[in-house]
Amino acid sequence: MDNIFFIKFMNGDAMSSLDLELLRTFVGIVDCGGFTRAGERLNRTQSTISQQIKRLEDHVGQPLLIRQGRGVA
């Protein structure tokens, strides 16, 4: 089970699995303050970063970032 992280969400007792790459992408965005800089740090395109965050947000069922122009809060 490489690259799978199990986390318990607040929405009940069901366990959900998250791909570690999606979590690394999320941390990269937060650390860098934006999608483009996170992509540069993680050696991915801005488009790939956006797609991965979309997958993560879809998985948890809510937005995880506040988008502000060219950055995030």
PDB file of N, CA and C in Angstrom:
ATOM      1  N   MET A   1       0.824  -1.182   0.000  1.00  0.00           N
ATOM      2  CA  MET A   1       0.000   0.000   0.000  1.00  0.00           C
ATOM      3  C   MET A   1       0.871   1.250   0.000  1.00  0.00           C
ATOM      4  N   ASP A   2       1.829   1.305  -0.885  1.00  0.00           N
ATOM      5  CA  ASP A   2       2.664   2.489  -0.994  1.00  0.00           C
ATOM      6  C   ASP A   2       1.828   3.681  -1.419  1.00  0.00           C
ATOM      7  N   ASN A   3       2.202   4.847  -0.905  1.00  0.00           N
ATOM      8  CA  ASN A   3       1.579   6.119  -1.259  1.00  0.00           C
ATOM      9  C   ASN A   3       0.106   6.219  -0.890  1.00  0.00           C
ATOM     10  N   ILE A   4      -0.354   5.432   0.042  1.00  0.00           N
ATOM     11  CA  ILE A   4      -1.729   5.565   0.522  1.00  0.00           C
ATOM     12  C   ILE A   4      -1.662   5.891   2.009  1.00  0.00           C
ATOM     13  N   PHE A   5      -2.415   6.887   2.396  1.00  0.00           N
ATOM     14  CA  PHE A   5      -2.447   7.341   3.778  1.00  0.00           C
ATOM     15  C   PHE A   5      -3.883   7.239   4.251  1.00  0.00           C
ATOM     16  N   PHE A   6      -4.095   6.629   5.394  1.00  0.00           N
ATOM     17  CA  PHE A   6      -5.446   6.510   5.924  1.00  0.00           C
ATOM     18  C   PHE A   6      -5.685   7.607   6.944  1.00  0.00           C
ATOM     19  N   ILE A   7      -6.817   8.264   6.816  1.00  0.00           N
ATOM     20  CA  ILE A   7      -7.162   9.364   7.707  1.00  0.00           C
ATOM     21  C   ILE A   7      -8.645   9.281   8.032  1.00  0.00           C
ATOM     22  N   LYS A   8      -9.003   9.572   9.245  1.00  0.00           N
ATOM     23  CA  LYS A   8     -10.401   9.558   9.650  1.00  0.00           C
ATOM     24  C   LYS A   8     -10.944  10.978   9.552  1.00  0.00           C
ATOM     25  N   PHE A   9     -12.005  11.155   8.796  1.00  0.00           N
ATOM     26  CA  PHE A   9     -12.610  12.463   8.608  1.00  0.00           C
ATOM     27  C   PHE A   9     -13.700  12.703   9.632  1.00  0.00           C
ATOM     28  N   MET A  10     -14.037  13.967   9.825  1.00  0.00           N
ATOM     29  CA  MET A  10     -15.038  14.354  10.796  1.00  0.00           C
ATOM     30  C   MET A  10     -16.452  13.935  10.380  1.00  0.00           C
ATOM     31  N   ASN A  11     -16.656  13.543   9.150  1.00  0.00           N
ATOM     32  CA  ASN A  11     -17.991  13.235   8.658  1.00  0.00           C
ATOM     33  C   ASN A  11     -18.426  11.805   8.973  1.00  0.00           C
ATOM     34  N   GLY A  12     -18.071  11.288  10.116  1.00  0.00           N
ATOM     35  CA  GLY A  12     -18.506   9.957  10.512  1.00  0.00           C
ATOM     36  C   GLY A  12     -17.338   9.061  10.824  1.00  0.00           C
ATOM     37  N   ASP A  13     -17.630   7.792  10.942  1.00  0.00           N
ATOM     38  CA  ASP A  13     -16.606   6.834  11.316  1.00  0.00           C
ATOM     39  C   ASP A  13     -15.989   6.129  10.116  1.00  0.00           C
ATOM     40  N   ALA A  14     -16.431   6.457   8.926  1.00  0.00           N
ATOM     41  CA  ALA A  14     -15.887   5.802   7.744  1.00  0.00           C
ATOM     42  C   ALA A  14     -14.447   6.235   7.520  1.00  0.00           C
ATOM     43  N   MET A  15     -13.598   5.265   7.238  1.00  0.00           N
ATOM     44  CA  MET A  15     -12.210   5.567   6.950  1.00  0.00           C
ATOM     45  C   MET A  15     -12.075   5.824   5.456  1.00  0.00           C
ATOM     46  N   SER A  16     -11.312   6.840   5.117  1.00  0.00           N
ATOM     47  CA  SER A  16     -11.063   7.174   3.717  1.00  0.00           C
ATOM     48  C   SER A  16      -9.573   7.107   3.462  1.00  0.00           C
ATOM     49  N   SER A  17      -9.205   6.709   2.272  1.00  0.00           N
ATOM     50  CA  SER A  17      -7.791   6.676   1.931  1.00  0.00           C
ATOM     51  C   SER A  17      -7.481   7.830   0.991  1.00  0.00           C
ATOM     52  N   LEU A  18      -6.346   8.435   1.217  1.00  0.00           N
ATOM     53  CA  LEU A  18      -5.894   9.536   0.385  1.00  0.00           C
ATOM     54  C   LEU A  18      -4.529   9.196  -0.189  1.00  0.00           C
ATOM     55  N   ASP A  19      -4.320   9.538  -1.411  1.00  0.00           N
ATOM     56  CA  ASP A  19      -3.037   9.364  -2.064  1.00  0.00           C
ATOM     57  C   ASP A  19      -2.061  10.377  -1.463  1.00  0.00           C
ATOM     58  N   LEU A  20      -0.896   9.914  -1.051  1.00  0.00           N
ATOM     59  CA  LEU A  20       0.086  10.814  -0.456  1.00  0.00           C
ATOM     60  C   LEU A  20       0.525  11.914  -1.415  1.00  0.00           C
ATOM     61  N   GLU A  21       0.530  11.645  -2.707  1.00  0.00           N
ATOM     62  CA  GLU A  21       0.910  12.680  -3.670  1.00  0.00           C
ATOM     63  C   GLU A  21      -0.065  13.852  -3.626  1.00  0.00           C
ATOM     64  N   LEU A  22      -1.345  13.572  -3.422  1.00  0.00           N
ATOM     65  CA  LEU A  22      -2.320  14.660  -3.316  1.00  0.00           C
ATOM     66  C   LEU A  22      -2.057  15.486  -2.070  1.00  0.00           C
ATOM     67  N   LEU A  23      -1.704  14.833  -0.978  1.00  0.00           N
ATOM     68  CA  LEU A  23      -1.388  15.551   0.252  1.00  0.00           C
ATOM     69  C   LEU A  23      -0.100  16.355   0.109  1.00  0.00           C
ATOM     70  N   ARG A  24       0.901  15.797  -0.572  1.00  0.00           N
ATOM     71  CA  ARG A  24       2.144  16.544  -0.821  1.00  0.00           C
ATOM     72  C   ARG A  24       1.869  17.787  -1.658  1.00  0.00           C
ATOM     73  N   THR A  25       0.982  17.645  -2.629  1.00  0.00           N
ATOM     74  CA  THR A  25       0.612  18.789  -3.461  1.00  0.00           C
ATOM     75  C   THR A  25      -0.047  19.871  -2.615  1.00  0.00           C
ATOM     76  N   PHE A  26      -0.966  19.476  -1.748  1.00  0.00           N
ATOM     77  CA  PHE A  26      -1.639  20.429  -0.864  1.00  0.00           C
ATOM     78  C   PHE A  26      -0.626  21.158   0.017  1.00  0.00           C
ATOM     79  N   VAL A  27       0.272  20.420   0.624  1.00  0.00           N
ATOM     80  CA  VAL A  27       1.298  21.036   1.483  1.00  0.00           C
ATOM     81  C   VAL A  27       2.189  21.963   0.664  1.00  0.00           C
ATOM     82  N   GLY A  28       2.535  21.556  -0.546  1.00  0.00           N
ATOM     83  CA  GLY A  28       3.358  22.405  -1.412  1.00  0.00           C
ATOM     84  C   GLY A  28       2.685  23.726  -1.726  1.00  0.00           C
ATOM     85  N   ILE A  29       1.398  23.694  -2.006  1.00  0.00           N
ATOM     86  CA  ILE A  29       0.653  24.920  -2.291  1.00  0.00           C
ATOM     87  C   ILE A  29       0.638  25.837  -1.074  1.00  0.00           C
ATOM     88  N   VAL A  30       0.367  25.262   0.079  1.00  0.00           N
ATOM     89  CA  VAL A  30       0.318  26.061   1.307  1.00  0.00           C
ATOM     90  C   VAL A  30       1.695  26.648   1.608  1.00  0.00           C
ATOM     91  N   ASP A  31       2.747  25.847   1.490  1.00  0.00           N
ATOM     92  CA  ASP A  31       4.104  26.318   1.772  1.00  0.00           C
ATOM     93  C   ASP A  31       4.548  27.414   0.814  1.00  0.00           C
ATOM     94  N   CYS A  32       4.196  27.246  -0.468  1.00  0.00           N
ATOM     95  CA  CYS A  32       4.658  28.180  -1.498  1.00  0.00           C
ATOM     96  C   CYS A  32       3.716  29.361  -1.701  1.00  0.00           C
ATOM     97  N   GLY A  33       2.490  29.232  -1.255  1.00  0.00           N
ATOM     98  CA  GLY A  33       1.536  30.323  -1.402  1.00  0.00           C
ATOM     99  C   GLY A  33       0.851  30.392  -2.751  1.00  0.00           C
ATOM    100  N   GLY A  34       1.032  29.390  -3.591  1.00  0.00           N
ATOM    101  CA  GLY A  34       0.368  29.419  -4.891  1.00  0.00           C
ATOM    102  C   GLY A  34       0.611  28.145  -5.684  1.00  0.00           C
ATOM    103  N   PHE A  35      -0.213  27.964  -6.701  1.00  0.00           N
ATOM    104  CA  PHE A  35      -0.169  26.756  -7.521  1.00  0.00           C
ATOM    105  C   PHE A  35       1.081  26.714  -8.397  1.00  0.00           C
ATOM    106  N   THR A  36       1.431  27.837  -9.023  1.00  0.00           N
ATOM    107  CA  THR A  36       2.568  27.856  -9.938  1.00  0.00           C
ATOM    108  C   THR A  36       3.866  27.585  -9.199  1.00  0.00           C
ATOM    109  N   ARG A  37       4.079  28.267  -8.078  1.00  0.00           N
ATOM    110  CA  ARG A  37       5.309  28.051  -7.300  1.00  0.00           C
ATOM    111  C   ARG A  37       5.366  26.641  -6.732  1.00  0.00           C
ATOM    112  N   ALA A  38       4.217  26.102  -6.328  1.00  0.00           N
ATOM    113  CA  ALA A  38       4.190  24.716  -5.854  1.00  0.00           C
ATOM    114  C   ALA A  38       4.571  23.769  -6.980  1.00  0.00           C
ATOM    115  N   GLY A  39       4.075  24.040  -8.170  1.00  0.00           N
ATOM    116  CA  GLY A  39       4.431  23.218  -9.326  1.00  0.00           C
ATOM    117  C   GLY A  39       5.921  23.239  -9.601  1.00  0.00           C
ATOM    118  N   GLU A  40       6.521  24.428  -9.496  1.00  0.00           N
ATOM    119  CA  GLU A  40       7.962  24.541  -9.702  1.00  0.00           C
ATOM    120  C   GLU A  40       8.722  23.737  -8.652  1.00  0.00           C
ATOM    121  N   ARG A  41       8.284  23.825  -7.409  1.00  0.00           N
ATOM    122  CA  ARG A  41       8.955  23.098  -6.321  1.00  0.00           C
ATOM    123  C   ARG A  41       8.788  21.590  -6.481  1.00  0.00           C
ATOM    124  N   LEU A  42       7.598  21.161  -6.896  1.00  0.00           N
ATOM    125  CA  LEU A  42       7.290  19.731  -7.000  1.00  0.00           C
ATOM    126  C   LEU A  42       7.577  19.152  -8.385  1.00  0.00           C
ATOM    127  N   ASN A  43       8.128  19.994  -9.287  1.00  0.00           N
ATOM    128  CA  ASN A  43       8.439  19.563 -10.651  1.00  0.00           C
ATOM    129  C   ASN A  43       7.208  19.066 -11.397  1.00  0.00           C
ATOM    130  N   ARG A  44       6.127  19.835 -11.271  1.00  0.00           N
ATOM    131  CA  ARG A  44       4.880  19.537 -11.979  1.00  0.00           C
ATOM    132  C   ARG A  44       4.371  20.827 -12.610  1.00  0.00           C
ATOM    133  N   THR A  45       3.518  20.681 -13.605  1.00  0.00           N
ATOM    134  CA  THR A  45       2.928  21.872 -14.211  1.00  0.00           C
ATOM    135  C   THR A  45       1.845  22.437 -13.302  1.00  0.00           C
ATOM    136  N   GLN A  46       1.526  23.701 -13.519  1.00  0.00           N
ATOM    137  CA  GLN A  46       0.451  24.342 -12.759  1.00  0.00           C
ATOM    138  C   GLN A  46      -0.858  23.596 -13.008  1.00  0.00           C
ATOM    139  N   SER A  47      -1.069  23.129 -14.215  1.00  0.00           N
ATOM    140  CA  SER A  47      -2.273  22.384 -14.561  1.00  0.00           C
ATOM    141  C   SER A  47      -2.381  21.088 -13.751  1.00  0.00           C
ATOM    142  N   THR A  48      -1.277  20.374 -13.620  1.00  0.00           N
ATOM    143  CA  THR A  48      -1.269  19.141 -12.835  1.00  0.00           C
ATOM    144  C   THR A  48      -1.570  19.431 -11.369  1.00  0.00           C
ATOM    145  N   ILE A  49      -0.977  20.494 -10.844  1.00  0.00           N
ATOM    146  CA  ILE A  49      -1.234  20.890  -9.457  1.00  0.00           C
ATOM    147  C   ILE A  49      -2.724  21.176  -9.271  1.00  0.00           C
ATOM    148  N   SER A  50      -3.311  21.926 -10.182  1.00  0.00           N
ATOM    149  CA  SER A  50      -4.741  22.249 -10.106  1.00  0.00           C
ATOM    150  C   SER A  50      -5.595  20.990 -10.136  1.00  0.00           C
ATOM    151  N   GLN A  51      -5.262  20.059 -11.016  1.00  0.00           N
ATOM    152  CA  GLN A  51      -6.022  18.821 -11.120  1.00  0.00           C
ATOM    153  C   GLN A  51      -5.916  17.992  -9.842  1.00  0.00           C
ATOM    154  N   GLN A  52      -4.733  17.954  -9.258  1.00  0.00           N
ATOM    155  CA  GLN A  52      -4.554  17.172  -8.039  1.00  0.00           C
ATOM    156  C   GLN A  52      -5.328  17.779  -6.868  1.00  0.00           C
ATOM    157  N   ILE A  53      -5.332  19.100  -6.768  1.00  0.00           N
ATOM    158  CA  ILE A  53      -6.098  19.742  -5.697  1.00  0.00           C
ATOM    159  C   ILE A  53      -7.593  19.517  -5.910  1.00  0.00           C
ATOM    160  N   LYS A  54      -8.035  19.572  -7.150  1.00  0.00           N
ATOM    161  CA  LYS A  54      -9.441  19.295  -7.458  1.00  0.00           C
ATOM    162  C   LYS A  54      -9.810  17.885  -7.013  1.00  0.00           C
ATOM    163  N   ARG A  55      -8.948  16.910  -7.291  1.00  0.00           N
ATOM    164  CA  ARG A  55      -9.200  15.521  -6.861  1.00  0.00           C
ATOM    165  C   ARG A  55      -9.272  15.426  -5.346  1.00  0.00           C
ATOM    166  N   LEU A  56      -8.362  16.116  -4.651  1.00  0.00           N
ATOM    167  CA  LEU A  56      -8.355  16.080  -3.194  1.00  0.00           C
ATOM    168  C   LEU A  56      -9.609  16.734  -2.630  1.00  0.00           C
ATOM    169  N   GLU A  57      -9.994  17.882  -3.180  1.00  0.00           N
ATOM    170  CA  GLU A  57     -11.207  18.557  -2.722  1.00  0.00           C
ATOM    171  C   GLU A  57     -12.449  17.716  -3.003  1.00  0.00           C
ATOM    172  N   ASP A  58     -12.492  17.066  -4.140  1.00  0.00           N
ATOM    173  CA  ASP A  58     -13.614  16.171  -4.450  1.00  0.00           C
ATOM    174  C   ASP A  58     -13.664  15.015  -3.454  1.00  0.00           C
ATOM    175  N   HIS A  59     -12.504  14.509  -3.089  1.00  0.00           N
ATOM    176  CA  HIS A  59     -12.439  13.379  -2.163  1.00  0.00           C
ATOM    177  C   HIS A  59     -12.954  13.756  -0.770  1.00  0.00           C
ATOM    178  N   VAL A  60     -12.577  14.927  -0.284  1.00  0.00           N
ATOM    179  CA  VAL A  60     -13.006  15.328   1.060  1.00  0.00           C
ATOM    180  C   VAL A  60     -14.358  16.024   1.044  1.00  0.00           C
ATOM    181  N   GLY A  61     -14.829  16.410  -0.137  1.00  0.00           N
ATOM    182  CA  GLY A  61     -16.167  16.971  -0.267  1.00  0.00           C
ATOM    183  C   GLY A  61     -16.308  18.438   0.080  1.00  0.00           C
ATOM    184  N   GLN A  62     -15.191  19.169   0.073  1.00  0.00           N
ATOM    185  CA  GLN A  62     -15.277  20.605   0.346  1.00  0.00           C
ATOM    186  C   GLN A  62     -13.995  21.293  -0.116  1.00  0.00           C
ATOM    187  N   PRO A  63     -14.068  22.603  -0.360  1.00  0.00           N
ATOM    188  CA  PRO A  63     -12.854  23.341  -0.735  1.00  0.00           C
ATOM    189  C   PRO A  63     -11.847  23.331   0.409  1.00  0.00           C
ATOM    190  N   LEU A  64     -10.572  23.233   0.065  1.00  0.00           N
ATOM    191  CA  LEU A  64      -9.513  23.207   1.063  1.00  0.00           C
ATOM    192  C   LEU A  64      -8.691  24.493   1.068  1.00  0.00           C
ATOM    193  N   LEU A  65      -8.821  25.284   0.023  1.00  0.00           N
ATOM    194  CA  LEU A  65      -8.033  26.502  -0.120  1.00  0.00           C
ATOM    195  C   LEU A  65      -8.942  27.673  -0.449  1.00  0.00           C
ATOM    196  N   ILE A  66      -8.552  28.841   0.011  1.00  0.00           N
ATOM    197  CA  ILE A  66      -9.221  30.083  -0.387  1.00  0.00           C
ATOM    198  C   ILE A  66      -8.367  30.691  -1.478  1.00  0.00           C
ATOM    199  N   ARG A  67      -8.895  30.720  -2.685  1.00  0.00           N
ATOM    200  CA  ARG A  67      -8.135  31.253  -3.813  1.00  0.00           C
ATOM    201  C   ARG A  67      -8.261  32.777  -3.842  1.00  0.00           C
ATOM    202  N   GLN A  68      -7.119  33.450  -3.953  1.00  0.00           N
ATOM    203  CA  GLN A  68      -7.090  34.915  -3.987  1.00  0.00           C
ATOM    204  C   GLN A  68      -6.236  35.348  -5.169  1.00  0.00           C
ATOM    205  N   GLY A  69      -6.878  35.629  -6.284  1.00  0.00           N
ATOM    206  CA  GLY A  69      -6.113  36.058  -7.458  1.00  0.00           C
ATOM    207  C   GLY A  69      -5.093  35.032  -7.856  1.00  0.00           C
ATOM    208  N   ARG A  70      -3.828  35.387  -7.700  1.00  0.00           N
ATOM    209  CA  ARG A  70      -2.745  34.478  -8.072  1.00  0.00           C
ATOM    210  C   ARG A  70      -2.150  33.731  -6.886  1.00  0.00           C
ATOM    211  N   GLY A  71      -2.820  33.768  -5.760  1.00  0.00           N
ATOM    212  CA  GLY A  71      -2.307  33.082  -4.582  1.00  0.00           C
ATOM    213  C   GLY A  71      -3.425  32.374  -3.839  1.00  0.00           C
ATOM    214  N   VAL A  72      -3.062  31.794  -2.721  1.00  0.00           N
ATOM    215  CA  VAL A  72      -4.034  31.118  -1.878  1.00  0.00           C
ATOM    216  C   VAL A  72      -3.844  31.601  -0.442  1.00  0.00           C
ATOM    217  N   ALA A  73      -4.919  31.481   0.315  1.00  0.00           N
ATOM    218  CA  ALA A  73      -4.838  31.874   1.726  1.00  0.00           C
ATOM    219  C   ALA A  73      -5.140  30.675   2.593  1.00  0.00           C
TER     220      ALA A  73
END
